[in-house]
Amino acid sequence: MGQCGITSSKTVLVFLNLIFWVENEVDRSIQKVYKTYNGTNPDAASRAIDYVQRQLHCCGIHNYSDWENTDWFKETKNQSVPLSCCRETARSCNGSLAQPADLYAEGCEALVVKKLQEIMMHVIWAALAFAAIQLLGMLCACIVLCRRSRDPAYELLITGGTYA
């Protein structure tokens, strides 16, 4: 039981370290994924970006102007961002940078980091609860052992070298 408690403590420390590491790793990864965006549905990176932008109501890495630095934007030459950047309330949105009010203004990086940190905090709380339960179990075992040694009705199972 003690080993499990130590393992839980190490797990909590690992997750606390991950919270601080996540932001740097997400920045590097998101830059890479945005560079590979090509706007086609079969492409996994494109689907992932479109999904994140729709679900988190965000556009680009820091804001919608980040799309101007991507290969996809330069190749299409239509001065627009993906349709997944369009606000749900903007019915006639075509992703045009000429109508920024139709686009989500907030970037996705901060929102992705926030979501990942929320998930990790749930895992940390679960690990802490597991460690607390184990600590309570060890405390109960110690109490039982202490009481057993003072109990006059306690009888040894092994007497005279034979098993009872």
N, C-alpha and C. Protein backbone atom coordinates (compact mmCIF):
# COMPACT_ATOMS: atom_id res chain seq x y z
N MET A 1 0.82 -1.19 0.00
CA MET A 1 0.00 0.00 0.00
C MET A 1 0.86 1.25 0.00
N GLY A 2 1.99 1.20 0.72
CA GLY A 2 2.89 2.34 0.78
C GLY A 2 3.47 2.68 -0.59
N GLN A 3 3.81 1.65 -1.35
CA GLN A 3 4.36 1.86 -2.68
C GLN A 3 3.36 2.57 -3.58
N CYS A 4 2.07 2.22 -3.45
CA CYS A 4 1.04 2.88 -4.25
C CYS A 4 0.94 4.35 -3.89
N GLY A 5 1.08 4.68 -2.60
CA GLY A 5 1.03 6.07 -2.16
C GLY A 5 2.18 6.87 -2.74
N ILE A 6 3.38 6.25 -2.74
CA ILE A 6 4.55 6.91 -3.33
C ILE A 6 4.34 7.12 -4.81
N THR A 7 3.81 6.11 -5.49
CA THR A 7 3.54 6.21 -6.92
C THR A 7 2.53 7.32 -7.20
N SER A 8 1.49 7.43 -6.37
CA SER A 8 0.50 8.50 -6.54
C SER A 8 1.14 9.86 -6.39
N SER A 9 2.02 10.01 -5.40
CA SER A 9 2.69 11.29 -5.18
C SER A 9 3.55 11.66 -6.38
N LYS A 10 4.25 10.66 -6.92
CA LYS A 10 5.07 10.91 -8.10
C LYS A 10 4.20 11.30 -9.28
N THR A 11 3.06 10.66 -9.41
CA THR A 11 2.13 10.98 -10.50
C THR A 11 1.66 12.41 -10.40
N VAL A 12 1.32 12.85 -9.20
CA VAL A 12 0.87 14.23 -9.00
C VAL A 12 1.98 15.20 -9.40
N LEU A 13 3.21 14.91 -8.99
CA LEU A 13 4.33 15.79 -9.33
C LEU A 13 4.55 15.83 -10.84
N VAL A 14 4.42 14.69 -11.49
CA VAL A 14 4.57 14.65 -12.95
C VAL A 14 3.51 15.51 -13.61
N PHE A 15 2.26 15.42 -13.16
CA PHE A 15 1.20 16.21 -13.77
C PHE A 15 1.36 17.70 -13.48
N LEU A 16 1.84 18.05 -12.28
CA LEU A 16 2.10 19.46 -12.00
C LEU A 16 3.18 20.00 -12.93
N ASN A 17 4.20 19.19 -13.17
CA ASN A 17 5.26 19.59 -14.10
C ASN A 17 4.71 19.72 -15.51
N LEU A 18 3.80 18.82 -15.89
CA LEU A 18 3.21 18.87 -17.23
C LEU A 18 2.40 20.14 -17.47
N ILE A 19 1.76 20.66 -16.43
CA ILE A 19 0.97 21.88 -16.59
C ILE A 19 1.84 23.01 -17.11
N PHE A 20 3.04 23.12 -16.58
CA PHE A 20 3.94 24.19 -17.00
C PHE A 20 4.58 23.89 -18.35
N TRP A 21 4.76 22.62 -18.66
CA TRP A 21 5.39 22.22 -19.90
C TRP A 21 4.43 22.33 -21.08
N VAL A 22 3.14 22.14 -20.82
CA VAL A 22 2.12 22.09 -21.87
C VAL A 22 2.11 23.34 -22.73
N GLU A 23 2.21 24.49 -22.12
CA GLU A 23 2.10 25.74 -22.88
C GLU A 23 3.19 25.84 -23.95
N ASN A 24 4.43 25.49 -23.60
CA ASN A 24 5.52 25.55 -24.58
C ASN A 24 5.33 24.53 -25.68
N GLU A 25 4.92 23.33 -25.30
CA GLU A 25 4.75 22.26 -26.29
C GLU A 25 3.59 22.54 -27.22
N VAL A 26 2.50 23.09 -26.69
CA VAL A 26 1.35 23.41 -27.52
C VAL A 26 1.73 24.47 -28.54
N ASP A 27 2.49 25.47 -28.13
CA ASP A 27 2.90 26.53 -29.05
C ASP A 27 3.69 25.95 -30.22
N ARG A 28 4.64 25.07 -29.91
CA ARG A 28 5.46 24.47 -30.97
C ARG A 28 4.61 23.58 -31.88
N SER A 29 3.73 22.78 -31.29
CA SER A 29 2.90 21.86 -32.07
C SER A 29 1.88 22.60 -32.93
N ILE A 30 1.26 23.60 -32.36
CA ILE A 30 0.21 24.32 -33.09
C ILE A 30 0.80 25.08 -34.28
N GLN A 31 2.00 25.60 -34.12
CA GLN A 31 2.69 26.28 -35.24
C GLN A 31 2.90 25.28 -36.39
N LYS A 32 3.34 24.08 -36.03
CA LYS A 32 3.61 23.04 -37.02
C LYS A 32 2.32 22.63 -37.75
N VAL A 33 1.23 22.46 -37.00
CA VAL A 33 -0.02 22.02 -37.60
C VAL A 33 -0.60 23.11 -38.52
N TYR A 34 -0.52 24.36 -38.10
CA TYR A 34 -1.02 25.44 -38.94
C TYR A 34 -0.23 25.57 -40.24
N LYS A 35 1.06 25.25 -40.18
CA LYS A 35 1.88 25.31 -41.40
C LYS A 35 1.46 24.24 -42.41
N THR A 36 0.96 23.11 -41.92
CA THR A 36 0.58 22.02 -42.83
C THR A 36 -0.88 22.09 -43.27
N TYR A 37 -1.62 23.08 -42.82
CA TYR A 37 -3.03 23.21 -43.20
C TYR A 37 -3.14 23.40 -44.71
N ASN A 38 -4.07 22.64 -45.32
CA ASN A 38 -4.26 22.82 -46.77
C ASN A 38 -5.73 22.98 -47.14
N GLY A 39 -6.61 22.96 -46.16
CA GLY A 39 -8.02 23.24 -46.41
C GLY A 39 -8.84 22.10 -46.95
N THR A 40 -8.25 20.91 -47.09
CA THR A 40 -9.03 19.78 -47.61
C THR A 40 -9.51 18.90 -46.46
N ASN A 41 -10.67 18.32 -46.61
CA ASN A 41 -11.25 17.49 -45.56
C ASN A 41 -10.46 16.21 -45.27
N PRO A 42 -9.91 15.51 -46.28
CA PRO A 42 -9.21 14.26 -45.96
C PRO A 42 -7.93 14.47 -45.14
N ASP A 43 -7.38 15.67 -45.17
CA ASP A 43 -6.14 15.94 -44.45
C ASP A 43 -6.43 16.04 -42.95
N ALA A 44 -5.72 15.23 -42.14
CA ALA A 44 -5.98 15.18 -40.70
C ALA A 44 -5.68 16.51 -40.02
N ALA A 45 -4.59 17.17 -40.40
CA ALA A 45 -4.24 18.45 -39.78
C ALA A 45 -5.32 19.49 -40.08
N SER A 46 -5.80 19.52 -41.29
CA SER A 46 -6.84 20.49 -41.67
C SER A 46 -8.13 20.23 -40.90
N ARG A 47 -8.51 18.96 -40.80
CA ARG A 47 -9.72 18.62 -40.05
C ARG A 47 -9.58 19.00 -38.58
N ALA A 48 -8.39 18.76 -38.02
CA ALA A 48 -8.16 19.07 -36.61
C ALA A 48 -8.25 20.57 -36.36
N ILE A 49 -7.65 21.36 -37.21
CA ILE A 49 -7.69 22.81 -37.05
C ILE A 49 -9.11 23.32 -37.18
N ASP A 50 -9.82 22.85 -38.20
CA ASP A 50 -11.20 23.29 -38.39
C ASP A 50 -12.07 22.89 -37.19
N TYR A 51 -11.86 21.69 -36.68
CA TYR A 51 -12.64 21.22 -35.53
C TYR A 51 -12.37 22.09 -34.30
N VAL A 52 -11.10 22.35 -34.01
CA VAL A 52 -10.74 23.16 -32.84
C VAL A 52 -11.31 24.56 -32.98
N GLN A 53 -11.20 25.15 -34.15
CA GLN A 53 -11.70 26.51 -34.34
C GLN A 53 -13.22 26.58 -34.17
N ARG A 54 -13.92 25.57 -34.65
CA ARG A 54 -15.38 25.56 -34.49
C ARG A 54 -15.79 25.32 -33.04
N GLN A 55 -15.13 24.36 -32.38
CA GLN A 55 -15.51 23.98 -31.03
C GLN A 55 -15.14 25.04 -29.99
N LEU A 56 -13.98 25.65 -30.15
CA LEU A 56 -13.51 26.63 -29.17
C LEU A 56 -13.84 28.07 -29.55
N HIS A 57 -14.46 28.25 -30.71
CA HIS A 57 -14.82 29.59 -31.20
C HIS A 57 -13.59 30.50 -31.23
N CYS A 58 -12.59 30.05 -31.97
CA CYS A 58 -11.35 30.80 -32.08
C CYS A 58 -10.88 30.77 -33.54
N CYS A 59 -9.86 31.57 -33.81
CA CYS A 59 -9.33 31.63 -35.18
C CYS A 59 -7.85 31.94 -35.13
N GLY A 60 -7.06 31.12 -35.79
CA GLY A 60 -5.62 31.34 -35.82
C GLY A 60 -4.95 30.91 -34.53
N ILE A 61 -3.68 31.22 -34.41
CA ILE A 61 -2.93 30.86 -33.21
C ILE A 61 -3.17 31.90 -32.12
N HIS A 62 -2.90 33.16 -32.45
CA HIS A 62 -3.13 34.25 -31.50
C HIS A 62 -4.37 35.06 -31.87
N ASN A 63 -4.63 35.18 -33.16
CA ASN A 63 -5.86 35.81 -33.68
C ASN A 63 -5.95 35.48 -35.18
N TYR A 64 -6.99 35.96 -35.83
CA TYR A 64 -7.21 35.59 -37.24
C TYR A 64 -6.11 36.07 -38.18
N SER A 65 -5.37 37.10 -37.81
CA SER A 65 -4.32 37.60 -38.70
C SER A 65 -3.15 36.62 -38.84
N ASP A 66 -3.06 35.62 -37.97
CA ASP A 66 -2.01 34.61 -38.08
C ASP A 66 -2.10 33.83 -39.38
N TRP A 67 -3.30 33.75 -39.93
CA TRP A 67 -3.48 33.00 -41.18
C TRP A 67 -2.72 33.63 -42.34
N GLU A 68 -2.45 34.92 -42.27
CA GLU A 68 -1.72 35.60 -43.36
C GLU A 68 -0.30 35.06 -43.53
N ASN A 69 0.25 34.42 -42.51
CA ASN A 69 1.62 33.89 -42.57
C ASN A 69 1.68 32.42 -42.96
N THR A 70 0.54 31.81 -43.28
CA THR A 70 0.54 30.39 -43.62
C THR A 70 0.70 30.19 -45.12
N ASP A 71 1.20 29.02 -45.48
CA ASP A 71 1.35 28.68 -46.90
C ASP A 71 -0.01 28.61 -47.58
N TRP A 72 -1.02 28.09 -46.88
CA TRP A 72 -2.36 27.97 -47.44
C TRP A 72 -2.90 29.34 -47.85
N PHE A 73 -2.72 30.34 -47.02
CA PHE A 73 -3.21 31.70 -47.30
C PHE A 73 -2.49 32.26 -48.53
N LYS A 74 -1.19 32.05 -48.60
CA LYS A 74 -0.40 32.57 -49.72
C LYS A 74 -0.75 31.86 -51.03
N GLU A 75 -1.04 30.57 -50.95
CA GLU A 75 -1.37 29.80 -52.16
C GLU A 75 -2.76 30.13 -52.69
N THR A 76 -3.73 30.31 -51.80
CA THR A 76 -5.10 30.56 -52.25
C THR A 76 -5.28 31.98 -52.79
N LYS A 77 -4.52 32.92 -52.27
CA LYS A 77 -4.55 34.32 -52.73
C LYS A 77 -5.96 34.92 -52.75
N ASN A 78 -6.82 34.48 -51.86
CA ASN A 78 -8.18 35.03 -51.85
C ASN A 78 -8.44 35.93 -50.65
N GLN A 79 -7.38 36.25 -49.88
CA GLN A 79 -7.48 37.16 -48.74
C GLN A 79 -8.58 36.74 -47.75
N SER A 80 -8.63 35.44 -47.47
CA SER A 80 -9.62 34.95 -46.51
C SER A 80 -9.01 33.86 -45.63
N VAL A 81 -9.68 33.63 -44.55
CA VAL A 81 -9.28 32.57 -43.60
C VAL A 81 -10.26 31.41 -43.78
N PRO A 82 -9.98 30.25 -43.18
CA PRO A 82 -10.92 29.12 -43.30
C PRO A 82 -12.30 29.48 -42.77
N LEU A 83 -13.30 28.83 -43.32
CA LEU A 83 -14.68 29.09 -42.90
C LEU A 83 -14.93 28.70 -41.45
N SER A 84 -14.07 27.86 -40.89
CA SER A 84 -14.23 27.48 -39.49
C SER A 84 -13.94 28.65 -38.54
N CYS A 85 -13.39 29.75 -39.08
CA CYS A 85 -13.15 30.96 -38.30
C CYS A 85 -14.40 31.84 -38.20
N CYS A 86 -15.41 31.53 -39.00
CA CYS A 86 -16.62 32.37 -39.03
C CYS A 86 -17.45 32.18 -37.77
N ARG A 87 -17.92 33.29 -37.24
CA ARG A 87 -18.82 33.24 -36.08
C ARG A 87 -20.13 32.56 -36.50
N GLU A 88 -20.75 31.86 -35.57
CA GLU A 88 -22.02 31.18 -35.85
C GLU A 88 -23.12 32.18 -36.17
N THR A 89 -23.00 33.37 -35.62
CA THR A 89 -24.03 34.39 -35.83
C THR A 89 -23.89 35.09 -37.18
N ALA A 90 -22.73 34.96 -37.81
CA ALA A 90 -22.49 35.61 -39.11
C ALA A 90 -22.97 34.67 -40.22
N ARG A 91 -24.15 34.92 -40.75
CA ARG A 91 -24.77 34.03 -41.73
C ARG A 91 -24.09 34.08 -43.10
N SER A 92 -23.65 35.24 -43.54
CA SER A 92 -23.07 35.35 -44.88
C SER A 92 -21.55 35.43 -44.84
N CYS A 93 -20.95 34.82 -43.85
CA CYS A 93 -19.49 34.87 -43.70
C CYS A 93 -18.82 33.97 -44.74
N ASN A 94 -17.81 34.52 -45.40
CA ASN A 94 -17.02 33.74 -46.36
C ASN A 94 -15.56 33.70 -45.96
N GLY A 95 -15.25 34.13 -44.72
CA GLY A 95 -13.87 34.11 -44.23
C GLY A 95 -13.03 35.28 -44.67
N SER A 96 -13.65 36.27 -45.29
CA SER A 96 -12.89 37.40 -45.82
C SER A 96 -12.30 38.25 -44.71
N LEU A 97 -11.04 38.63 -44.88
CA LEU A 97 -10.40 39.50 -43.91
C LEU A 97 -10.93 40.93 -43.99
N ALA A 98 -11.68 41.23 -45.05
CA ALA A 98 -12.29 42.55 -45.19
C ALA A 98 -13.46 42.73 -44.22
N GLN A 99 -13.97 41.62 -43.67
CA GLN A 99 -15.08 41.67 -42.71
C GLN A 99 -14.66 40.98 -41.41
N PRO A 100 -13.75 41.61 -40.65
CA PRO A 100 -13.24 40.96 -39.43
C PRO A 100 -14.30 40.77 -38.34
N ALA A 101 -15.40 41.52 -38.40
CA ALA A 101 -16.45 41.36 -37.40
C ALA A 101 -17.14 40.00 -37.52
N ASP A 102 -17.05 39.37 -38.68
CA ASP A 102 -17.66 38.05 -38.89
C ASP A 102 -16.77 36.91 -38.37
N LEU A 103 -15.53 37.22 -38.00
CA LEU A 103 -14.56 36.19 -37.60
C LEU A 103 -14.36 36.17 -36.09
N TYR A 104 -14.00 35.00 -35.58
CA TYR A 104 -13.64 34.91 -34.17
C TYR A 104 -12.35 35.69 -33.97
N ALA A 105 -12.32 36.54 -32.97
CA ALA A 105 -11.15 37.40 -32.75
C ALA A 105 -10.07 36.71 -31.90
N GLU A 106 -10.47 35.80 -31.02
CA GLU A 106 -9.52 35.17 -30.12
C GLU A 106 -8.78 34.02 -30.79
N GLY A 107 -7.49 33.90 -30.48
CA GLY A 107 -6.68 32.82 -31.03
C GLY A 107 -6.92 31.51 -30.30
N CYS A 108 -6.54 30.42 -30.94
CA CYS A 108 -6.82 29.08 -30.39
C CYS A 108 -5.78 28.60 -29.39
N GLU A 109 -4.56 29.09 -29.47
CA GLU A 109 -3.50 28.57 -28.60
C GLU A 109 -3.85 28.71 -27.13
N ALA A 110 -4.25 29.88 -26.70
CA ALA A 110 -4.57 30.11 -25.29
C ALA A 110 -5.74 29.23 -24.85
N LEU A 111 -6.72 29.05 -25.71
CA LEU A 111 -7.89 28.24 -25.35
C LEU A 111 -7.54 26.76 -25.27
N VAL A 112 -6.67 26.28 -26.16
CA VAL A 112 -6.25 24.87 -26.12
C VAL A 112 -5.45 24.61 -24.85
N VAL A 113 -4.54 25.51 -24.51
CA VAL A 113 -3.75 25.36 -23.29
C VAL A 113 -4.67 25.35 -22.07
N LYS A 114 -5.64 26.24 -22.05
CA LYS A 114 -6.57 26.31 -20.92
C LYS A 114 -7.35 24.99 -20.78
N LYS A 115 -7.83 24.44 -21.89
CA LYS A 115 -8.58 23.17 -21.85
C LYS A 115 -7.69 22.03 -21.35
N LEU A 116 -6.46 21.95 -21.85
CA LEU A 116 -5.55 20.89 -21.42
C LEU A 116 -5.22 21.01 -19.93
N GLN A 117 -5.04 22.23 -19.46
CA GLN A 117 -4.77 22.43 -18.04
C GLN A 117 -5.97 22.04 -17.18
N GLU A 118 -7.17 22.32 -17.66
CA GLU A 118 -8.37 21.90 -16.93
C GLU A 118 -8.43 20.38 -16.82
N ILE A 119 -8.14 19.70 -17.91
CA ILE A 119 -8.16 18.23 -17.91
C ILE A 119 -7.11 17.68 -16.95
N MET A 120 -5.91 18.26 -17.00
CA MET A 120 -4.84 17.78 -16.12
C MET A 120 -5.16 18.05 -14.65
N MET A 121 -5.84 19.14 -14.37
CA MET A 121 -6.22 19.42 -12.98
C MET A 121 -7.20 18.35 -12.47
N HIS A 122 -8.10 17.89 -13.34
CA HIS A 122 -9.01 16.80 -12.93
C HIS A 122 -8.23 15.53 -12.63
N VAL A 123 -7.23 15.25 -13.44
CA VAL A 123 -6.40 14.06 -13.21
C VAL A 123 -5.62 14.20 -11.91
N ILE A 124 -5.09 15.38 -11.65
CA ILE A 124 -4.34 15.62 -10.41
C ILE A 124 -5.25 15.44 -9.19
N TRP A 125 -6.45 15.98 -9.26
CA TRP A 125 -7.38 15.83 -8.13
C TRP A 125 -7.74 14.37 -7.91
N ALA A 126 -7.90 13.62 -8.99
CA ALA A 126 -8.20 12.20 -8.86
C ALA A 126 -7.02 11.46 -8.22
N ALA A 127 -5.80 11.79 -8.62
CA ALA A 127 -4.61 11.16 -8.03
C ALA A 127 -4.48 11.53 -6.55
N LEU A 128 -4.77 12.78 -6.21
CA LEU A 128 -4.72 13.19 -4.79
C LEU A 128 -5.78 12.47 -3.97
N ALA A 129 -6.97 12.30 -4.53
CA ALA A 129 -8.03 11.58 -3.83
C ALA A 129 -7.62 10.13 -3.61
N PHE A 130 -7.01 9.52 -4.62
CA PHE A 130 -6.54 8.14 -4.51
C PHE A 130 -5.46 8.04 -3.43
N ALA A 131 -4.55 8.99 -3.38
CA ALA A 131 -3.49 9.00 -2.36
C ALA A 131 -4.09 9.19 -0.97
N ALA A 132 -5.10 10.04 -0.84
CA ALA A 132 -5.75 10.26 0.45
C ALA A 132 -6.45 8.99 0.93
N ILE A 133 -7.10 8.29 0.03
CA ILE A 133 -7.76 7.03 0.39
C ILE A 133 -6.73 6.00 0.85
N GLN A 134 -5.59 5.95 0.17
CA GLN A 134 -4.54 5.02 0.57
C GLN A 134 -3.97 5.40 1.94
N LEU A 135 -3.80 6.67 2.18
CA LEU A 135 -3.30 7.14 3.46
C LEU A 135 -4.28 6.78 4.58
N LEU A 136 -5.55 6.95 4.31
CA LEU A 136 -6.58 6.59 5.28
C LEU A 136 -6.55 5.08 5.55
N GLY A 137 -6.35 4.29 4.52
CA GLY A 137 -6.24 2.83 4.68
C GLY A 137 -5.05 2.45 5.53
N MET A 138 -3.90 3.10 5.31
CA MET A 138 -2.71 2.81 6.12
C MET A 138 -2.94 3.23 7.57
N LEU A 139 -3.61 4.34 7.79
CA LEU A 139 -3.91 4.80 9.14
C LEU A 139 -4.81 3.80 9.87
N CYS A 140 -5.82 3.32 9.16
CA CYS A 140 -6.73 2.31 9.74
C CYS A 140 -5.97 1.03 10.07
N ALA A 141 -5.06 0.61 9.22
CA ALA A 141 -4.27 -0.60 9.46
C ALA A 141 -3.39 -0.41 10.70
N CYS A 142 -2.81 0.77 10.86
CA CYS A 142 -1.97 1.05 12.04
C CYS A 142 -2.80 1.01 13.32
N ILE A 143 -3.99 1.57 13.26
CA ILE A 143 -4.88 1.57 14.43
C ILE A 143 -5.24 0.14 14.81
N VAL A 144 -5.58 -0.68 13.83
CA VAL A 144 -5.93 -2.08 14.09
C VAL A 144 -4.73 -2.82 14.69
N LEU A 145 -3.52 -2.59 14.18
CA LEU A 145 -2.34 -3.26 14.71
C LEU A 145 -2.06 -2.83 16.15
N CYS A 146 -2.21 -1.55 16.43
CA CYS A 146 -1.97 -1.05 17.80
C CYS A 146 -2.98 -1.62 18.77
N ARG A 147 -4.22 -1.70 18.41
CA ARG A 147 -5.26 -2.23 19.28
C ARG A 147 -5.10 -3.74 19.49
N ARG A 148 -4.68 -4.42 18.45
CA ARG A 148 -4.54 -5.87 18.53
C ARG A 148 -3.47 -6.26 19.55
N SER A 149 -2.40 -5.50 19.65
CA SER A 149 -1.31 -5.86 20.56
C SER A 149 -1.72 -5.66 22.02
N ARG A 150 -2.70 -4.79 22.31
CA ARG A 150 -3.15 -4.55 23.68
C ARG A 150 -4.37 -5.40 24.06
N ASP A 151 -4.92 -6.13 23.14
CA ASP A 151 -6.14 -6.90 23.39
C ASP A 151 -5.80 -8.22 24.08
N PRO A 152 -6.31 -8.45 25.34
CA PRO A 152 -5.99 -9.70 26.04
C PRO A 152 -6.63 -10.92 25.39
N ALA A 153 -7.67 -10.72 24.59
CA ALA A 153 -8.33 -11.86 23.95
C ALA A 153 -7.61 -12.28 22.67
N TYR A 154 -6.53 -11.57 22.33
CA TYR A 154 -5.79 -11.90 21.11
C TYR A 154 -5.09 -13.23 21.28
N GLU A 155 -5.20 -14.12 20.31
CA GLU A 155 -4.61 -15.44 20.35
C GLU A 155 -3.73 -15.65 19.14
N LEU A 156 -2.55 -16.18 19.32
CA LEU A 156 -1.67 -16.47 18.21
C LEU A 156 -2.19 -17.66 17.42
N LEU A 157 -2.07 -17.62 16.13
CA LEU A 157 -2.49 -18.74 15.29
C LEU A 157 -1.42 -19.82 15.26
N ILE A 158 -0.17 -19.41 15.50
CA ILE A 158 0.93 -20.37 15.49
C ILE A 158 1.31 -20.65 16.94
N THR A 159 1.12 -21.89 17.36
CA THR A 159 1.51 -22.29 18.73
C THR A 159 2.39 -23.51 18.66
N GLY A 160 3.55 -23.43 19.28
CA GLY A 160 4.44 -24.57 19.34
C GLY A 160 4.95 -25.02 17.98
N GLY A 161 5.03 -24.13 17.04
CA GLY A 161 5.58 -24.47 15.74
C GLY A 161 4.61 -25.14 14.82
N THR A 162 3.36 -25.38 15.22
CA THR A 162 2.37 -25.97 14.35
C THR A 162 1.27 -24.96 14.06
N TYR A 163 0.64 -25.13 12.93
CA TYR A 163 -0.43 -24.22 12.55
C TYR A 163 -1.74 -24.67 13.17
N ALA A 164 -2.51 -23.77 13.69
CA ALA A 164 -3.78 -24.11 14.32
C ALA A 164 -4.85 -24.28 13.28
